[in-house]
Every structure is written in C-alpha cells, then in structure tokens.
Amino acid sequence: MEKHRIFTTSFASVYPHYINKAEKKGRTKAEVDNIICWLTGYSQEELQEQIDNKKDFETFFAEVPQLNPNVSKISGVICGYRIENIENPLMQKIRYLDKLIDELAKGKPMDKILKS
C-alpha cells in the first residue's frame, strides 16, 4: 500500500500553516509550540531542530521523545474522520495535532486543549 502523501511532507512546510491558523484567531506561535511540545515531548529546542532539519511527518513522529499519555483523551472529528477510529497510528498522531490546533483556533482555553 502506498504511503499517504502527508507522511512524506516536511513538518516544517506545514508548521507555518498551524501558526497562521492560530494567529488569524488571535492566538500565538508560543501557544502552537506549547501544544506541539505537550503532544510530542519535544523541548522547544528539539522542536526547532526538527523544523530546521525539515524532517517529514513520519520522521517527526518517529523521533518523538514521549507521546503525551493523555492523547487518548483527544477525541472528535477532524477532516471528516473520528480520531478515535483512525487505524493508522501515524495518521492518528497527525490528526491529534490537527485537532489540538483546531481547538486553539476556535478559542478553547489552553488548559482544556492540553487535557489538564
């Protein structure tokens, strides 16, 4: 089976879109970074290194230090798919991130987004 094209897309090429989406709704790059670091366990420096090295999504998630243990609390529909039912583990991780950025852009408070 062919890989989905998002898997080989550079995270660095999508990252500005996450920031743009958030900033259009009055949120900040720092909040986007906070969400990404919360989800992946990357430090701010490690995240920047992933971006600078233009790692693709497959590598970006393969090198995650520690996926947040609360990811199972992320639920809902993103891009027409229920996150809990996505079978491909990599696609599910990408959609977790998409969902969190969506919640940020919709004005949800950070403590609710980060499932604290």
N, C-alpha and C. Protein backbone atom coordinates (compact mmCIF):
# COMPACT_ATOMS: atom_id res chain seq x y z
N MET A 1 0.83 -1.19 0.00
CA MET A 1 0.00 0.00 0.00
C MET A 1 0.88 1.25 0.00
N GLU A 2 0.50 2.24 -0.79
CA GLU A 2 1.26 3.48 -0.86
C GLU A 2 1.13 4.30 0.41
N LYS A 3 2.20 4.99 0.75
CA LYS A 3 2.16 5.90 1.90
C LYS A 3 1.30 7.09 1.56
N HIS A 4 0.56 7.56 2.54
CA HIS A 4 -0.20 8.81 2.36
C HIS A 4 0.82 9.93 2.17
N ARG A 5 0.50 10.88 1.32
CA ARG A 5 1.49 11.92 0.99
C ARG A 5 1.86 12.80 2.20
N ILE A 6 0.96 12.93 3.18
CA ILE A 6 1.29 13.74 4.37
C ILE A 6 2.47 13.13 5.13
N PHE A 7 2.63 11.81 5.07
CA PHE A 7 3.72 11.16 5.81
C PHE A 7 5.09 11.63 5.33
N THR A 8 5.19 11.91 4.03
CA THR A 8 6.48 12.32 3.47
C THR A 8 6.58 13.83 3.30
N THR A 9 5.55 14.53 3.74
CA THR A 9 5.56 16.00 3.71
C THR A 9 6.41 16.51 4.86
N SER A 10 7.18 17.52 4.61
CA SER A 10 8.03 18.08 5.66
C SER A 10 7.17 18.78 6.72
N PHE A 11 7.44 18.48 7.97
CA PHE A 11 6.73 19.13 9.07
C PHE A 11 6.94 20.64 8.98
N ALA A 12 8.15 21.04 8.61
CA ALA A 12 8.49 22.48 8.51
C ALA A 12 7.61 23.20 7.49
N SER A 13 7.13 22.49 6.48
CA SER A 13 6.30 23.14 5.47
C SER A 13 4.86 23.33 5.96
N VAL A 14 4.43 22.56 6.93
CA VAL A 14 3.06 22.66 7.46
C VAL A 14 3.02 23.54 8.71
N TYR A 15 4.10 23.56 9.43
CA TYR A 15 4.20 24.33 10.68
C TYR A 15 3.74 25.79 10.54
N PRO A 16 4.17 26.52 9.49
CA PRO A 16 3.70 27.91 9.35
C PRO A 16 2.17 28.00 9.20
N HIS A 17 1.58 26.96 8.62
CA HIS A 17 0.11 26.95 8.48
C HIS A 17 -0.58 26.81 9.84
N TYR A 18 0.02 26.02 10.72
CA TYR A 18 -0.52 25.89 12.09
C TYR A 18 -0.48 27.27 12.77
N ILE A 19 0.66 27.94 12.64
CA ILE A 19 0.83 29.25 13.27
C ILE A 19 -0.15 30.26 12.67
N ASN A 20 -0.23 30.26 11.35
CA ASN A 20 -1.13 31.18 10.65
C ASN A 20 -2.58 30.98 11.10
N LYS A 21 -3.00 29.74 11.17
CA LYS A 21 -4.37 29.42 11.58
C LYS A 21 -4.65 29.96 12.99
N ALA A 22 -3.70 29.78 13.87
CA ALA A 22 -3.85 30.25 15.26
C ALA A 22 -3.83 31.77 15.32
N GLU A 23 -2.88 32.38 14.63
CA GLU A 23 -2.74 33.85 14.71
C GLU A 23 -3.94 34.58 14.10
N LYS A 24 -4.56 33.99 13.08
CA LYS A 24 -5.75 34.59 12.48
C LYS A 24 -6.88 34.70 13.51
N LYS A 25 -6.84 33.83 14.50
CA LYS A 25 -7.88 33.81 15.52
C LYS A 25 -7.40 34.44 16.84
N GLY A 26 -6.29 35.18 16.76
CA GLY A 26 -5.82 35.90 17.94
C GLY A 26 -4.98 35.08 18.90
N ARG A 27 -4.55 33.90 18.47
CA ARG A 27 -3.68 33.07 19.31
C ARG A 27 -2.23 33.29 18.87
N THR A 28 -1.29 32.63 19.56
CA THR A 28 0.13 32.94 19.32
C THR A 28 0.94 31.72 18.88
N LYS A 29 2.11 32.02 18.29
CA LYS A 29 3.07 30.98 17.93
C LYS A 29 3.49 30.21 19.18
N ALA A 30 3.66 30.92 20.28
CA ALA A 30 4.07 30.28 21.55
C ALA A 30 3.03 29.23 21.98
N GLU A 31 1.75 29.54 21.77
CA GLU A 31 0.71 28.57 22.12
C GLU A 31 0.75 27.35 21.20
N VAL A 32 1.00 27.59 19.92
CA VAL A 32 1.15 26.48 18.97
C VAL A 32 2.31 25.59 19.39
N ASP A 33 3.46 26.21 19.69
CA ASP A 33 4.63 25.46 20.13
C ASP A 33 4.35 24.69 21.41
N ASN A 34 3.63 25.32 22.33
CA ASN A 34 3.29 24.67 23.60
C ASN A 34 2.47 23.41 23.34
N ILE A 35 1.51 23.49 22.42
CA ILE A 35 0.69 22.33 22.08
C ILE A 35 1.54 21.22 21.47
N ILE A 36 2.41 21.59 20.53
CA ILE A 36 3.25 20.58 19.86
C ILE A 36 4.18 19.91 20.88
N CYS A 37 4.77 20.70 21.75
CA CYS A 37 5.67 20.14 22.77
C CYS A 37 4.91 19.28 23.77
N TRP A 38 3.71 19.70 24.13
CA TRP A 38 2.87 18.91 25.05
C TRP A 38 2.56 17.55 24.43
N LEU A 39 2.18 17.55 23.16
CA LEU A 39 1.80 16.30 22.48
C LEU A 39 2.98 15.37 22.29
N THR A 40 4.13 15.93 21.91
CA THR A 40 5.26 15.11 21.48
C THR A 40 6.34 14.86 22.52
N GLY A 41 6.41 15.73 23.51
CA GLY A 41 7.51 15.62 24.47
C GLY A 41 8.77 16.32 23.99
N TYR A 42 8.76 16.91 22.80
CA TYR A 42 9.92 17.67 22.34
C TYR A 42 10.08 18.91 23.21
N SER A 43 11.32 19.27 23.47
CA SER A 43 11.59 20.57 24.09
C SER A 43 11.48 21.61 22.98
N GLN A 44 11.47 22.87 23.34
CA GLN A 44 11.41 23.93 22.33
C GLN A 44 12.61 23.83 21.38
N GLU A 45 13.78 23.52 21.93
CA GLU A 45 14.98 23.40 21.10
C GLU A 45 14.88 22.20 20.16
N GLU A 46 14.38 21.09 20.66
CA GLU A 46 14.24 19.89 19.83
C GLU A 46 13.21 20.13 18.71
N LEU A 47 12.13 20.83 19.05
CA LEU A 47 11.13 21.16 18.04
C LEU A 47 11.76 22.02 16.94
N GLN A 48 12.52 23.03 17.34
CA GLN A 48 13.16 23.90 16.36
C GLN A 48 14.14 23.11 15.48
N GLU A 49 14.82 22.15 16.09
CA GLU A 49 15.76 21.31 15.33
C GLU A 49 15.01 20.49 14.27
N GLN A 50 13.85 19.95 14.64
CA GLN A 50 13.04 19.19 13.68
C GLN A 50 12.64 20.08 12.51
N ILE A 51 12.26 21.31 12.82
CA ILE A 51 11.85 22.27 11.80
C ILE A 51 13.04 22.64 10.92
N ASP A 52 14.15 22.98 11.56
CA ASP A 52 15.36 23.38 10.81
C ASP A 52 15.85 22.28 9.88
N ASN A 53 15.73 21.03 10.34
CA ASN A 53 16.21 19.89 9.54
C ASN A 53 15.17 19.39 8.55
N LYS A 54 14.02 20.07 8.51
CA LYS A 54 12.95 19.75 7.55
C LYS A 54 12.57 18.27 7.57
N LYS A 55 12.40 17.74 8.77
CA LYS A 55 12.01 16.33 8.91
C LYS A 55 10.58 16.15 8.39
N ASP A 56 10.34 15.01 7.74
CA ASP A 56 8.98 14.73 7.29
C ASP A 56 8.14 14.27 8.49
N PHE A 57 6.83 14.21 8.31
CA PHE A 57 5.95 13.85 9.43
C PHE A 57 6.27 12.47 9.98
N GLU A 58 6.61 11.54 9.11
CA GLU A 58 6.93 10.18 9.55
C GLU A 58 8.13 10.21 10.51
N THR A 59 9.17 10.92 10.13
CA THR A 59 10.37 11.02 10.97
C THR A 59 10.07 11.86 12.21
N PHE A 60 9.35 12.96 12.03
CA PHE A 60 8.99 13.84 13.14
C PHE A 60 8.33 13.03 14.27
N PHE A 61 7.36 12.21 13.93
CA PHE A 61 6.68 11.42 14.96
C PHE A 61 7.48 10.19 15.39
N ALA A 62 8.32 9.64 14.52
CA ALA A 62 9.16 8.50 14.89
C ALA A 62 10.19 8.90 15.94
N GLU A 63 10.62 10.17 15.91
CA GLU A 63 11.65 10.65 16.84
C GLU A 63 11.08 11.32 18.08
N VAL A 64 9.76 11.27 18.24
CA VAL A 64 9.11 11.88 19.41
C VAL A 64 9.70 11.27 20.69
N PRO A 65 10.15 12.12 21.62
CA PRO A 65 10.71 11.60 22.88
C PRO A 65 9.69 10.79 23.68
N GLN A 66 8.47 11.33 23.81
CA GLN A 66 7.44 10.65 24.61
C GLN A 66 6.09 11.25 24.25
N LEU A 67 5.27 10.48 23.54
CA LEU A 67 3.93 10.96 23.23
C LEU A 67 3.18 11.15 24.55
N ASN A 68 2.48 12.25 24.69
CA ASN A 68 1.80 12.55 25.94
C ASN A 68 0.84 11.42 26.31
N PRO A 69 0.85 10.98 27.57
CA PRO A 69 -0.03 9.89 27.97
C PRO A 69 -1.53 10.25 27.91
N ASN A 70 -1.84 11.53 27.81
CA ASN A 70 -3.24 11.94 27.74
C ASN A 70 -3.79 12.01 26.31
N VAL A 71 -3.05 11.51 25.33
CA VAL A 71 -3.55 11.58 23.95
C VAL A 71 -4.86 10.83 23.79
N SER A 72 -5.08 9.84 24.60
CA SER A 72 -6.33 9.08 24.47
C SER A 72 -7.55 9.94 24.80
N LYS A 73 -7.33 11.08 25.46
CA LYS A 73 -8.43 11.99 25.77
C LYS A 73 -8.78 12.91 24.60
N ILE A 74 -7.95 12.89 23.56
CA ILE A 74 -8.22 13.70 22.37
C ILE A 74 -9.22 12.94 21.53
N SER A 75 -10.37 13.55 21.31
CA SER A 75 -11.41 12.87 20.54
C SER A 75 -12.14 13.88 19.67
N GLY A 76 -12.99 13.37 18.84
CA GLY A 76 -13.77 14.23 17.96
C GLY A 76 -13.49 13.93 16.51
N VAL A 77 -14.01 14.81 15.66
CA VAL A 77 -13.89 14.62 14.22
C VAL A 77 -12.94 15.67 13.65
N ILE A 78 -12.04 15.21 12.79
CA ILE A 78 -11.13 16.11 12.09
C ILE A 78 -11.02 15.60 10.66
N CYS A 79 -11.17 16.50 9.71
CA CYS A 79 -11.10 16.15 8.29
C CYS A 79 -12.09 15.04 7.93
N GLY A 80 -13.22 15.02 8.61
CA GLY A 80 -14.26 14.03 8.32
C GLY A 80 -14.05 12.67 8.96
N TYR A 81 -13.01 12.52 9.76
CA TYR A 81 -12.73 11.23 10.40
C TYR A 81 -12.78 11.37 11.91
N ARG A 82 -13.38 10.38 12.58
CA ARG A 82 -13.38 10.35 14.03
C ARG A 82 -11.99 9.89 14.46
N ILE A 83 -11.31 10.73 15.24
CA ILE A 83 -9.91 10.48 15.62
C ILE A 83 -9.73 9.12 16.29
N GLU A 84 -10.67 8.77 17.14
CA GLU A 84 -10.56 7.51 17.89
C GLU A 84 -10.59 6.29 16.97
N ASN A 85 -11.14 6.43 15.77
CA ASN A 85 -11.31 5.29 14.86
C ASN A 85 -10.25 5.22 13.76
N ILE A 86 -9.29 6.14 13.76
CA ILE A 86 -8.25 6.12 12.73
C ILE A 86 -7.30 4.96 13.05
N GLU A 87 -7.17 4.05 12.08
CA GLU A 87 -6.41 2.83 12.33
C GLU A 87 -4.90 2.99 12.19
N ASN A 88 -4.46 3.83 11.27
CA ASN A 88 -3.03 4.01 11.06
C ASN A 88 -2.48 4.88 12.20
N PRO A 89 -1.55 4.33 13.01
CA PRO A 89 -1.05 5.08 14.18
C PRO A 89 -0.40 6.42 13.82
N LEU A 90 0.32 6.49 12.70
CA LEU A 90 0.95 7.74 12.31
C LEU A 90 -0.11 8.77 11.91
N MET A 91 -1.09 8.35 11.12
CA MET A 91 -2.16 9.27 10.72
C MET A 91 -2.92 9.75 11.95
N GLN A 92 -3.11 8.87 12.91
CA GLN A 92 -3.82 9.26 14.13
C GLN A 92 -3.04 10.35 14.89
N LYS A 93 -1.73 10.21 14.97
CA LYS A 93 -0.91 11.22 15.65
C LYS A 93 -0.98 12.56 14.93
N ILE A 94 -0.92 12.51 13.59
CA ILE A 94 -1.02 13.75 12.81
C ILE A 94 -2.37 14.40 13.06
N ARG A 95 -3.42 13.62 13.10
CA ARG A 95 -4.77 14.15 13.33
C ARG A 95 -4.95 14.65 14.76
N TYR A 96 -4.26 14.04 15.72
CA TYR A 96 -4.27 14.57 17.10
C TYR A 96 -3.78 16.02 17.06
N LEU A 97 -2.66 16.22 16.38
CA LEU A 97 -2.07 17.55 16.30
C LEU A 97 -3.02 18.51 15.59
N ASP A 98 -3.60 18.07 14.49
CA ASP A 98 -4.57 18.90 13.76
C ASP A 98 -5.73 19.31 14.68
N LYS A 99 -6.23 18.37 15.43
CA LYS A 99 -7.37 18.63 16.32
C LYS A 99 -7.01 19.65 17.39
N LEU A 100 -5.83 19.51 17.98
CA LEU A 100 -5.40 20.45 19.03
C LEU A 100 -5.24 21.86 18.47
N ILE A 101 -4.69 21.97 17.28
CA ILE A 101 -4.53 23.29 16.64
C ILE A 101 -5.91 23.87 16.32
N ASP A 102 -6.83 23.03 15.87
CA ASP A 102 -8.21 23.49 15.61
C ASP A 102 -8.85 24.04 16.88
N GLU A 103 -8.67 23.32 17.97
CA GLU A 103 -9.26 23.76 19.24
C GLU A 103 -8.67 25.10 19.67
N LEU A 104 -7.37 25.28 19.45
CA LEU A 104 -6.72 26.55 19.76
C LEU A 104 -7.34 27.66 18.92
N ALA A 105 -7.48 27.42 17.63
CA ALA A 105 -8.02 28.42 16.71
C ALA A 105 -9.49 28.75 17.03
N LYS A 106 -10.19 27.80 17.64
CA LYS A 106 -11.59 28.03 17.98
C LYS A 106 -11.74 28.76 19.31
N GLY A 107 -10.60 29.09 19.94
CA GLY A 107 -10.64 29.90 21.15
C GLY A 107 -10.74 29.11 22.45
N LYS A 108 -10.56 27.82 22.37
CA LYS A 108 -10.62 27.00 23.57
C LYS A 108 -9.45 27.34 24.51
N PRO A 109 -9.68 27.40 25.82
CA PRO A 109 -8.59 27.70 26.75
C PRO A 109 -7.50 26.62 26.72
N MET A 110 -6.25 27.04 26.91
CA MET A 110 -5.11 26.11 26.85
C MET A 110 -5.27 24.93 27.81
N ASP A 111 -5.76 25.16 29.04
CA ASP A 111 -5.87 24.04 29.98
C ASP A 111 -6.86 22.99 29.48
N LYS A 112 -7.86 23.40 28.74
CA LYS A 112 -8.83 22.44 28.16
C LYS A 112 -8.20 21.72 26.96
N ILE A 113 -7.46 22.47 26.14
CA ILE A 113 -6.81 21.87 24.98
C ILE A 113 -5.82 20.82 25.42
N LEU A 114 -5.04 21.13 26.45
CA LEU A 114 -3.98 20.21 26.91
C LEU A 114 -4.50 19.16 27.88
N LYS A 115 -5.82 19.05 27.93
CA LYS A 115 -6.49 17.96 28.68
C LYS A 115 -5.98 17.85 30.10
N SER A 116 -5.73 19.06 30.74
CA SER A 116 -5.23 19.03 32.11
C SER A 116 -6.38 18.98 33.10
